[in-house]
Amino acid sequence: MVVTGDIDTVFGPKELEDSWDDTGAGHSLRSHASAHEQDVPIIGYNGDFDGFEFTENRDIGRYVFERVLGKPLSG
């Protein structure tokens, strides 16, 4: 599973939340590997991909629930 943030999201420990300076840059936080910086290749092998389209990150989760776990997502 791949988890990325949007352009305004940084992953890090909550205790570093107050470490942001006036420019919005944190001293110990780093944003990298988001979809805004690069493409993230995902390779699927031997799966039931017929009729399933992956256009967004959430489609990976939807695929796992619907095709692997057999539990359709509502909404």
Protein backbone atom coordinates (compact mmCIF):
# COMPACT_ATOMS: atom_id res chain seq x y z
CA MET A 1 0.00 0.00 0.00
CA VAL A 2 1.22 3.49 -0.83
CA VAL A 3 0.16 6.51 1.22
CA THR A 4 0.92 10.00 -0.03
CA GLY A 5 -0.23 13.44 1.04
CA ASP A 6 -1.59 16.33 -0.96
CA ILE A 7 0.52 19.40 -1.76
CA ASP A 8 -0.13 20.89 1.72
CA THR A 9 0.42 17.71 3.77
CA VAL A 10 3.55 16.59 5.60
CA PHE A 11 3.85 13.34 7.51
CA GLY A 12 5.66 13.44 10.84
CA PRO A 13 5.29 12.99 14.59
CA LYS A 14 2.56 15.10 16.19
CA GLU A 15 5.01 16.48 18.77
CA LEU A 16 6.76 18.33 15.91
CA GLU A 17 3.54 20.16 15.03
CA ASP A 18 4.75 23.39 16.68
CA SER A 19 8.16 23.35 14.98
CA TRP A 20 7.00 25.35 11.94
CA ASP A 21 8.66 28.73 11.43
CA ASP A 22 7.15 31.85 9.79
CA THR A 23 7.78 30.50 6.29
CA GLY A 24 5.81 27.31 7.02
CA ALA A 25 8.92 25.15 6.84
CA GLY A 26 9.41 22.75 9.71
CA HIS A 27 12.85 22.10 11.12
CA SER A 28 12.50 18.32 11.43
CA LEU A 29 9.74 17.54 8.95
CA ARG A 30 10.26 16.61 5.34
CA SER A 31 7.75 16.15 2.57
CA HIS A 32 8.77 13.67 -0.12
CA ALA A 33 7.43 11.01 -2.43
CA SER A 34 4.03 12.63 -2.83
CA ALA A 35 2.21 12.55 -6.13
CA HIS A 36 3.06 16.25 -6.46
CA GLU A 37 6.76 15.41 -6.71
CA GLN A 38 6.86 12.21 -8.73
CA ASP A 39 4.94 9.35 -10.23
CA VAL A 40 4.80 6.28 -8.01
CA PRO A 41 4.87 3.08 -10.07
CA ILE A 42 2.66 0.27 -8.82
CA ILE A 43 3.03 -3.16 -10.34
CA GLY A 44 0.27 -5.73 -10.04
CA TYR A 45 0.79 -9.37 -10.90
CA ASN A 46 -1.72 -12.17 -11.36
CA GLY A 47 -4.65 -10.02 -10.25
CA ASP A 48 -8.20 -9.73 -11.54
CA PHE A 49 -7.77 -6.33 -13.23
CA ASP A 50 -10.38 -6.77 -16.01
CA GLY A 51 -12.87 -3.91 -15.95
CA PHE A 52 -11.06 -2.08 -13.16
CA GLU A 53 -9.51 1.34 -13.79
CA PHE A 54 -6.80 2.89 -11.60
CA THR A 55 -6.87 6.68 -12.00
CA GLU A 56 -6.41 7.85 -8.39
CA ASN A 57 -4.59 6.61 -5.29
CA ARG A 58 -7.87 5.64 -3.65
CA ASP A 59 -8.52 3.18 -6.47
CA ILE A 60 -5.81 0.97 -4.98
CA GLY A 61 -7.75 0.72 -1.72
CA ARG A 62 -11.01 0.22 -3.58
CA TYR A 63 -9.42 -2.62 -5.57
CA VAL A 64 -8.17 -4.32 -2.40
CA PHE A 65 -11.58 -4.11 -0.72
CA GLU A 66 -13.63 -5.13 -3.75
CA ARG A 67 -11.41 -7.66 -5.52
CA VAL A 68 -9.17 -9.04 -2.76
CA LEU A 69 -11.33 -8.87 0.37
CA GLY A 70 -14.70 -9.07 -1.43
CA LYS A 71 -16.18 -6.17 0.54
CA PRO A 72 -17.54 -3.37 -1.66
CA LEU A 73 -16.95 0.14 -0.36
CA SER A 74 -20.09 2.23 0.11
CA GLY A 75 -20.28 5.86 -0.93
